Every structure is written in structure tokens, then in C-alpha cells.
Amino acid sequence: MAYCTITDLQAAYGADKISAWSRMDPDAVDRAIANASAEIDGYLLSGGYPVPLDGPPANIKKYCVDIAAANLIVG
């Protein structure tokens, strides 16, 4: 389960930046979101939380957006 969407990324950083960072590849955005969600799940698992979170708090979405954006930037 992904903790954010492409719409969340675009709302946070702008559609133009997301397009540029992903090189206009929607699969790259999907991979970045999936990798960010998996990274968050890894931290949650290490803390003993069941994953994926059902109805995660808003800060989890923000973390996912930021991690996914970083994944896109570094390629």
C-alpha cells in the first residue's frame, strides 16, 4: 500500500517539477512512491507496528511525499 499518490507529490512540489524529476516517466513516479512506502514500512516494522498502516496519520503521507521526491531527484 502506498502512503501517497502522484497527486500528493504534485500538490507539494508542482506538476512541472515532478515531470522534470521523473523525466516524464509515470513508472518512475510509481517506483519512487513504492520505494518510499517500503522504506516507511521498514521503519514501522522495526518499531513493532503492523504494516501497511490502515488510515495512516498525515505525517506519514508527508514523509512519503518527501522521500518519493528525493528518490526522483537522485534518480
N, C-alpha and C. Protein backbone atom coordinates (compact mmCIF):
# COMPACT_ATOMS: atom_id res chain seq x y z
N MET A 1 0.83 -1.17 0.00
CA MET A 1 0.00 0.00 0.00
C MET A 1 0.88 1.24 0.00
N ALA A 2 0.58 2.15 -0.91
CA ALA A 2 1.33 3.40 -1.00
C ALA A 2 0.76 4.41 -0.01
N TYR A 3 1.64 5.18 0.60
CA TYR A 3 1.21 6.18 1.57
C TYR A 3 1.02 7.56 0.94
N CYS A 4 1.27 7.69 -0.37
CA CYS A 4 0.99 8.93 -1.07
C CYS A 4 0.70 8.61 -2.53
N THR A 5 0.27 9.62 -3.26
CA THR A 5 -0.05 9.47 -4.68
C THR A 5 0.72 10.51 -5.49
N ILE A 6 0.67 10.35 -6.80
CA ILE A 6 1.30 11.35 -7.66
C ILE A 6 0.64 12.72 -7.46
N THR A 7 -0.64 12.72 -7.19
CA THR A 7 -1.35 13.98 -6.92
C THR A 7 -0.79 14.66 -5.68
N ASP A 8 -0.46 13.88 -4.66
CA ASP A 8 0.15 14.44 -3.45
C ASP A 8 1.51 15.05 -3.76
N LEU A 9 2.30 14.35 -4.58
CA LEU A 9 3.62 14.87 -4.98
C LEU A 9 3.47 16.18 -5.74
N GLN A 10 2.53 16.20 -6.69
CA GLN A 10 2.31 17.40 -7.48
C GLN A 10 1.82 18.56 -6.63
N ALA A 11 0.97 18.27 -5.65
CA ALA A 11 0.48 19.32 -4.76
C ALA A 11 1.60 19.90 -3.92
N ALA A 12 2.53 19.07 -3.52
CA ALA A 12 3.63 19.53 -2.67
C ALA A 12 4.73 20.25 -3.44
N TYR A 13 5.06 19.74 -4.63
CA TYR A 13 6.22 20.25 -5.36
C TYR A 13 5.90 20.87 -6.71
N GLY A 14 4.68 20.68 -7.20
CA GLY A 14 4.30 21.21 -8.51
C GLY A 14 4.44 20.15 -9.59
N ALA A 15 3.48 20.14 -10.49
CA ALA A 15 3.47 19.15 -11.57
C ALA A 15 4.69 19.27 -12.47
N ASP A 16 5.17 20.49 -12.71
CA ASP A 16 6.33 20.68 -13.58
C ASP A 16 7.58 20.04 -12.99
N LYS A 17 7.78 20.21 -11.69
CA LYS A 17 8.97 19.61 -11.06
C LYS A 17 8.88 18.09 -11.06
N ILE A 18 7.70 17.54 -10.77
CA ILE A 18 7.56 16.09 -10.76
C ILE A 18 7.80 15.53 -12.15
N SER A 19 7.30 16.20 -13.17
CA SER A 19 7.54 15.76 -14.55
C SER A 19 9.03 15.81 -14.89
N ALA A 20 9.68 16.89 -14.49
CA ALA A 20 11.12 17.02 -14.78
C ALA A 20 11.93 15.98 -14.02
N TRP A 21 11.64 15.83 -12.73
CA TRP A 21 12.41 14.89 -11.92
C TRP A 21 12.22 13.45 -12.38
N SER A 22 11.03 13.14 -12.89
CA SER A 22 10.75 11.77 -13.34
C SER A 22 11.10 11.56 -14.80
N ARG A 23 11.56 12.64 -15.44
CA ARG A 23 11.85 12.60 -16.88
C ARG A 23 10.61 12.18 -17.66
N MET A 24 9.45 12.65 -17.16
CA MET A 24 8.13 12.40 -17.75
C MET A 24 7.81 10.92 -17.86
N ASP A 25 8.33 10.13 -16.93
CA ASP A 25 8.08 8.69 -16.90
C ASP A 25 7.17 8.36 -15.72
N PRO A 26 5.88 8.07 -15.98
CA PRO A 26 4.97 7.78 -14.87
C PRO A 26 5.38 6.55 -14.07
N ASP A 27 6.07 5.60 -14.72
CA ASP A 27 6.55 4.43 -13.99
C ASP A 27 7.62 4.80 -12.97
N ALA A 28 8.41 5.81 -13.28
CA ALA A 28 9.43 6.27 -12.33
C ALA A 28 8.77 6.85 -11.09
N VAL A 29 7.67 7.56 -11.27
CA VAL A 29 6.94 8.11 -10.13
C VAL A 29 6.36 6.98 -9.29
N ASP A 30 5.76 6.00 -9.95
CA ASP A 30 5.20 4.85 -9.23
C ASP A 30 6.27 4.12 -8.43
N ARG A 31 7.45 3.93 -9.03
CA ARG A 31 8.56 3.26 -8.33
C ARG A 31 9.03 4.08 -7.14
N ALA A 32 9.13 5.40 -7.32
CA ALA A 32 9.58 6.27 -6.24
C ALA A 32 8.61 6.22 -5.06
N ILE A 33 7.31 6.21 -5.36
CA ILE A 33 6.31 6.13 -4.31
C ILE A 33 6.35 4.77 -3.63
N ALA A 34 6.47 3.70 -4.42
CA ALA A 34 6.53 2.35 -3.85
C ALA A 34 7.76 2.19 -2.97
N ASN A 35 8.90 2.70 -3.41
CA ASN A 35 10.13 2.60 -2.62
C ASN A 35 10.04 3.42 -1.34
N ALA A 36 9.44 4.60 -1.43
CA ALA A 36 9.26 5.43 -0.23
C ALA A 36 8.34 4.73 0.77
N SER A 37 7.26 4.15 0.27
CA SER A 37 6.32 3.45 1.15
C SER A 37 6.98 2.24 1.80
N ALA A 38 7.79 1.51 1.04
CA ALA A 38 8.50 0.36 1.58
C ALA A 38 9.52 0.78 2.64
N GLU A 39 10.18 1.91 2.42
CA GLU A 39 11.13 2.41 3.41
C GLU A 39 10.41 2.75 4.71
N ILE A 40 9.28 3.40 4.60
CA ILE A 40 8.49 3.74 5.79
C ILE A 40 8.04 2.46 6.49
N ASP A 41 7.55 1.48 5.73
CA ASP A 41 7.13 0.21 6.33
C ASP A 41 8.28 -0.46 7.07
N GLY A 42 9.49 -0.37 6.53
CA GLY A 42 10.65 -0.95 7.19
C GLY A 42 10.89 -0.35 8.56
N TYR A 43 10.78 0.96 8.64
CA TYR A 43 10.95 1.62 9.94
C TYR A 43 9.83 1.25 10.90
N LEU A 44 8.60 1.19 10.37
CA LEU A 44 7.47 0.83 11.23
C LEU A 44 7.60 -0.60 11.74
N LEU A 45 8.01 -1.51 10.87
CA LEU A 45 8.21 -2.91 11.29
C LEU A 45 9.26 -3.02 12.39
N SER A 46 10.34 -2.25 12.25
CA SER A 46 11.40 -2.33 13.26
C SER A 46 10.91 -1.81 14.61
N GLY A 47 9.86 -0.99 14.59
CA GLY A 47 9.27 -0.49 15.83
C GLY A 47 8.14 -1.36 16.34
N GLY A 48 7.87 -2.46 15.64
CA GLY A 48 6.85 -3.39 16.09
C GLY A 48 5.44 -3.07 15.62
N TYR A 49 5.32 -2.15 14.68
CA TYR A 49 3.99 -1.79 14.17
C TYR A 49 3.60 -2.71 13.01
N PRO A 50 2.33 -3.07 12.92
CA PRO A 50 1.88 -3.86 11.77
C PRO A 50 1.79 -2.96 10.53
N VAL A 51 2.20 -3.50 9.40
CA VAL A 51 2.16 -2.74 8.15
C VAL A 51 1.41 -3.53 7.09
N PRO A 52 0.83 -2.85 6.11
CA PRO A 52 0.78 -1.40 5.99
C PRO A 52 -0.21 -0.81 6.98
N LEU A 53 0.00 0.44 7.31
CA LEU A 53 -0.91 1.13 8.22
C LEU A 53 -2.25 1.33 7.54
N ASP A 54 -3.30 1.09 8.26
CA ASP A 54 -4.64 1.34 7.76
C ASP A 54 -5.06 2.72 8.26
N GLY A 55 -5.22 3.66 7.34
CA GLY A 55 -5.56 5.03 7.75
C GLY A 55 -4.40 5.70 8.44
N PRO A 56 -3.24 5.81 7.76
CA PRO A 56 -2.06 6.38 8.41
C PRO A 56 -2.25 7.86 8.75
N PRO A 57 -1.54 8.34 9.76
CA PRO A 57 -1.63 9.75 10.11
C PRO A 57 -1.04 10.62 9.00
N ALA A 58 -1.40 11.90 9.01
CA ALA A 58 -1.00 12.83 7.95
C ALA A 58 0.52 12.95 7.83
N ASN A 59 1.24 12.83 8.93
CA ASN A 59 2.69 12.97 8.83
C ASN A 59 3.32 11.84 8.03
N ILE A 60 2.72 10.67 8.01
CA ILE A 60 3.25 9.56 7.21
C ILE A 60 3.15 9.91 5.72
N LYS A 61 2.03 10.53 5.32
CA LYS A 61 1.89 10.95 3.92
C LYS A 61 2.97 11.97 3.56
N LYS A 62 3.20 12.93 4.46
CA LYS A 62 4.22 13.94 4.19
C LYS A 62 5.60 13.30 4.05
N TYR A 63 5.92 12.36 4.94
CA TYR A 63 7.20 11.67 4.83
C TYR A 63 7.30 10.92 3.50
N CYS A 64 6.22 10.28 3.10
CA CYS A 64 6.23 9.53 1.86
C CYS A 64 6.44 10.46 0.67
N VAL A 65 5.76 11.60 0.67
CA VAL A 65 5.92 12.59 -0.41
C VAL A 65 7.38 13.04 -0.47
N ASP A 66 7.96 13.38 0.67
CA ASP A 66 9.33 13.88 0.69
C ASP A 66 10.34 12.81 0.27
N ILE A 67 10.16 11.59 0.73
CA ILE A 67 11.09 10.51 0.36
C ILE A 67 10.94 10.18 -1.11
N ALA A 68 9.70 10.13 -1.62
CA ALA A 68 9.48 9.85 -3.04
C ALA A 68 10.11 10.94 -3.91
N ALA A 69 9.95 12.21 -3.51
CA ALA A 69 10.54 13.30 -4.28
C ALA A 69 12.07 13.16 -4.29
N ALA A 70 12.65 12.84 -3.15
CA ALA A 70 14.10 12.64 -3.10
C ALA A 70 14.54 11.49 -4.00
N ASN A 71 13.74 10.42 -4.00
CA ASN A 71 14.05 9.29 -4.89
C ASN A 71 14.04 9.71 -6.35
N LEU A 72 13.09 10.55 -6.72
CA LEU A 72 13.03 11.03 -8.10
C LEU A 72 14.22 11.93 -8.44
N ILE A 73 14.60 12.78 -7.52
CA ILE A 73 15.69 13.73 -7.77
C ILE A 73 17.01 12.99 -7.99
N VAL A 74 17.28 12.01 -7.14
CA VAL A 74 18.57 11.31 -7.26
C VAL A 74 18.53 10.23 -8.35
N GLY A 75 17.32 9.95 -8.81
CA GLY A 75 17.16 9.06 -9.95
C GLY A 75 17.37 7.66 -9.64
